[in-house]
Amino acid sequence: MNEEEFTATVREECAQELDRLGSEKALVATTAAQLEDDRVLESAAQAEQRAIETFEQWSTTEANTEAQTTFERILGQEQDHYDRIAEHLETVSEADEDELHEYLRGLDDAIERVAAGVVARGMVSSRSLLQTINYFVNESDEATADLFRDIRAETDEQVESGARLLADLCAEDAQWERAQTAAVQTIQLAYEEYAESLEGMGIDPKPVC
């Protein structure tokens, strides 16, 4: 397997979950149906808070030099994302813990961390960011939509760079399989939280056909 095959395989295996995570219900789930500018921005900032904490932990505990360098770079990007979003808010409440990052912080293997935290988390984040972009486009706020376009472009680049790093880290099929398992588990956890949030509000997470 190579990096292109890896990302294609993960996207194919998790196609339904990723499609739903990128649906118009995404912001309903993350904001508890409070579709107002400040709440959408705060939700995005809190997602960055969680990522910052995860990559801070990994950048200080990772033994693999290549992976540690990648985690430090992404930590800087996530901090920049948070700062740019927070500029639009008076305050940002501390983010609640979620199952996705609890799972990520429990990983201690470089391959699993890269597959789950860089590739899969990036795939999930990209879909949420797309709906944030759409929200601000609909609000005729192109400046804020452009901010999230920039953040999404960097997030998509993280996915690709993570896949390239996996090509360096995975020398055997068994290692690629371990990476795939971690990535799929991450996306499934993100989807389960999304579905539970909507169901808690009496909303069916399945798309209306």
Foldseek 3Di string as FASTA:
>chain_A
DALVVLLVVLCVVCVQLLVLLLDLCVQCLQQVNPLDDQSSLLSQLQVLVLLLVLLVLCLVQAPDPVLNVLSVVVNVLSVVLNVVSCVVDPDHDHHDDAPLSVVLSPDHDSLLNLLAVQALVLSSVLSSLVSVLVSVVVVVNNVVSVSSVVSSVVSVVSNSVSSNVSNVVDPDPVSSVSSSVSSNVSSVRVSVSSQVSQVVVVHHSDDDD
